[in-house]
């Protein structure tokens, strides 16, 4: 959850500013930037799932 929240804030903000303001694409650039966040978050979760690290977590 921490990875998801931090990546969402960092990636959405970075890519939205990059595509929306720096490249001058406006609202379309912001939408593309927000989509890039989903791509990176998906890659992160697939990597974590395949590493099987999530199976080592113990609640108690």
N, C-alpha and C. Protein backbone atom coordinates (compact mmCIF):
# COMPACT_ATOMS: atom_id res chain seq x y z
N UNK A 1 0.81 -1.17 0.00
CA UNK A 1 0.00 0.00 0.00
C UNK A 1 0.87 1.26 0.00
N UNK A 2 1.97 1.21 0.74
CA UNK A 2 2.88 2.35 0.77
C UNK A 2 3.48 2.58 -0.61
N UNK A 3 3.87 1.49 -1.27
CA UNK A 3 4.44 1.61 -2.61
C UNK A 3 3.42 2.18 -3.58
N UNK A 4 2.20 1.74 -3.47
CA UNK A 4 1.15 2.21 -4.36
C UNK A 4 0.89 3.70 -4.17
N UNK A 5 0.76 4.13 -2.94
CA UNK A 5 0.47 5.54 -2.67
C UNK A 5 1.63 6.44 -3.07
N UNK A 6 2.84 6.06 -2.69
CA UNK A 6 3.99 6.90 -3.01
C UNK A 6 4.26 6.95 -4.51
N UNK A 7 4.11 5.81 -5.18
CA UNK A 7 4.31 5.80 -6.63
C UNK A 7 3.21 6.59 -7.34
N UNK A 8 2.00 6.51 -6.82
CA UNK A 8 0.92 7.28 -7.42
C UNK A 8 1.20 8.77 -7.33
N UNK A 9 1.59 9.22 -6.17
CA UNK A 9 1.86 10.65 -6.00
C UNK A 9 3.04 11.08 -6.86
N UNK A 10 4.13 10.34 -6.80
CA UNK A 10 5.34 10.72 -7.53
C UNK A 10 5.16 10.61 -9.03
N UNK A 11 4.67 9.47 -9.51
CA UNK A 11 4.57 9.25 -10.95
C UNK A 11 3.50 10.12 -11.59
N UNK A 12 2.34 10.21 -10.96
CA UNK A 12 1.28 11.04 -11.54
C UNK A 12 1.69 12.50 -11.60
N UNK A 13 2.28 12.96 -10.55
CA UNK A 13 2.70 14.35 -10.53
C UNK A 13 3.79 14.61 -11.57
N UNK A 14 4.82 13.75 -11.59
CA UNK A 14 5.92 13.94 -12.53
C UNK A 14 5.46 13.87 -13.98
N UNK A 15 4.76 12.79 -14.34
CA UNK A 15 4.37 12.62 -15.73
C UNK A 15 3.29 13.60 -16.16
N UNK A 16 2.40 13.98 -15.25
CA UNK A 16 1.38 14.97 -15.60
C UNK A 16 2.01 16.33 -15.88
N UNK A 17 2.97 16.71 -15.06
CA UNK A 17 3.67 17.99 -15.30
C UNK A 17 4.50 17.89 -16.57
N UNK A 18 5.17 16.76 -16.75
CA UNK A 18 6.02 16.60 -17.94
C UNK A 18 5.21 16.69 -19.22
N UNK A 19 4.17 15.86 -19.32
CA UNK A 19 3.39 15.84 -20.56
C UNK A 19 2.44 17.02 -20.68
N UNK A 20 1.83 17.42 -19.58
CA UNK A 20 0.84 18.48 -19.64
C UNK A 20 1.43 19.87 -19.79
N UNK A 21 2.48 20.15 -19.03
CA UNK A 21 3.04 21.50 -19.06
C UNK A 21 4.31 21.62 -19.90
N UNK A 22 5.27 20.73 -19.65
CA UNK A 22 6.55 20.85 -20.35
C UNK A 22 6.41 20.61 -21.85
N UNK A 23 5.63 19.60 -22.23
CA UNK A 23 5.44 19.33 -23.65
C UNK A 23 4.29 20.15 -24.24
N UNK A 24 3.48 20.76 -23.36
CA UNK A 24 2.40 21.62 -23.83
C UNK A 24 1.20 20.86 -24.37
N UNK A 25 0.97 19.64 -23.90
CA UNK A 25 -0.15 18.83 -24.40
C UNK A 25 -1.44 19.07 -23.64
N UNK A 26 -1.40 19.82 -22.57
CA UNK A 26 -2.61 20.17 -21.83
C UNK A 26 -3.26 18.98 -21.14
N UNK A 27 -4.60 18.93 -21.26
CA UNK A 27 -5.37 17.89 -20.56
C UNK A 27 -5.04 16.50 -21.08
N UNK A 28 -4.79 16.37 -22.36
CA UNK A 28 -4.42 15.07 -22.93
C UNK A 28 -3.10 14.59 -22.32
N UNK A 29 -2.16 15.48 -22.15
CA UNK A 29 -0.88 15.13 -21.53
C UNK A 29 -1.04 14.70 -20.09
N UNK A 30 -1.95 15.35 -19.37
CA UNK A 30 -2.22 14.96 -17.98
C UNK A 30 -2.84 13.57 -17.95
N UNK A 31 -3.75 13.27 -18.86
CA UNK A 31 -4.37 11.94 -18.92
C UNK A 31 -3.32 10.87 -19.26
N UNK A 32 -2.42 11.18 -20.16
CA UNK A 32 -1.35 10.23 -20.50
C UNK A 32 -0.42 10.04 -19.30
N UNK A 33 -0.13 11.12 -18.60
CA UNK A 33 0.71 11.03 -17.40
C UNK A 33 0.08 10.17 -16.32
N UNK A 34 -1.22 10.28 -16.15
CA UNK A 34 -1.92 9.46 -15.17
C UNK A 34 -1.95 8.00 -15.61
N UNK A 35 -2.01 7.76 -16.89
CA UNK A 35 -1.98 6.39 -17.40
C UNK A 35 -0.60 5.77 -17.21
N UNK A 36 0.44 6.57 -17.32
CA UNK A 36 1.79 6.08 -17.10
C UNK A 36 1.95 5.60 -15.66
N UNK A 37 1.27 6.25 -14.72
CA UNK A 37 1.29 5.81 -13.33
C UNK A 37 0.74 4.39 -13.22
N UNK A 38 -0.33 4.11 -13.89
CA UNK A 38 -0.92 2.77 -13.85
C UNK A 38 0.03 1.72 -14.43
N UNK A 39 0.74 2.09 -15.48
CA UNK A 39 1.70 1.17 -16.09
C UNK A 39 2.83 0.85 -15.10
N UNK A 40 3.40 1.88 -14.48
CA UNK A 40 4.50 1.65 -13.54
C UNK A 40 4.03 0.89 -12.30
N UNK A 41 2.82 1.18 -11.84
CA UNK A 41 2.31 0.47 -10.68
C UNK A 41 2.05 -1.00 -11.02
N UNK A 42 1.56 -1.25 -12.22
CA UNK A 42 1.37 -2.63 -12.65
C UNK A 42 2.66 -3.40 -12.74
N UNK A 43 3.70 -2.76 -13.27
CA UNK A 43 5.02 -3.39 -13.35
C UNK A 43 5.54 -3.71 -11.96
N UNK A 44 5.38 -2.77 -11.03
CA UNK A 44 5.84 -2.98 -9.66
C UNK A 44 5.12 -4.16 -9.00
N UNK A 45 3.82 -4.24 -9.17
CA UNK A 45 3.06 -5.31 -8.54
C UNK A 45 3.33 -6.67 -9.17
N UNK A 46 3.52 -6.71 -10.47
CA UNK A 46 3.88 -7.97 -11.13
C UNK A 46 5.25 -8.44 -10.65
N UNK A 47 6.20 -7.52 -10.55
CA UNK A 47 7.53 -7.87 -10.05
C UNK A 47 7.45 -8.41 -8.63
N UNK A 48 6.67 -7.76 -7.79
CA UNK A 48 6.55 -8.20 -6.40
C UNK A 48 5.83 -9.56 -6.32
N UNK A 49 4.83 -9.76 -7.15
CA UNK A 49 4.11 -11.03 -7.15
C UNK A 49 5.03 -12.18 -7.59
N UNK A 50 5.80 -11.95 -8.62
CA UNK A 50 6.70 -13.01 -9.12
C UNK A 50 7.85 -13.30 -8.17
N UNK A 51 8.25 -12.31 -7.36
CA UNK A 51 9.35 -12.54 -6.43
C UNK A 51 8.94 -13.40 -5.24
N UNK A 52 7.65 -13.59 -5.04
CA UNK A 52 7.08 -14.38 -3.94
C UNK A 52 7.41 -13.80 -2.57
N UNK A 53 7.87 -12.56 -2.51
CA UNK A 53 8.17 -11.93 -1.24
C UNK A 53 6.90 -11.72 -0.41
N UNK A 54 5.77 -11.53 -1.06
CA UNK A 54 4.53 -11.30 -0.36
C UNK A 54 4.08 -12.51 0.44
N UNK A 55 4.60 -13.72 0.12
CA UNK A 55 4.21 -14.91 0.85
C UNK A 55 4.92 -15.03 2.20
N UNK A 56 5.97 -14.24 2.40
CA UNK A 56 6.74 -14.28 3.65
C UNK A 56 6.19 -13.34 4.73
N UNK A 57 5.16 -12.59 4.43
CA UNK A 57 4.61 -11.64 5.39
C UNK A 57 3.78 -12.37 6.44
N UNK A 58 4.03 -12.06 7.72
CA UNK A 58 3.28 -12.65 8.82
C UNK A 58 2.60 -11.54 9.61
N UNK A 59 1.33 -11.71 9.83
CA UNK A 59 0.57 -10.69 10.54
C UNK A 59 0.85 -10.75 12.04
N UNK A 60 0.93 -11.94 12.56
CA UNK A 60 1.17 -12.08 14.01
C UNK A 60 2.45 -12.87 14.22
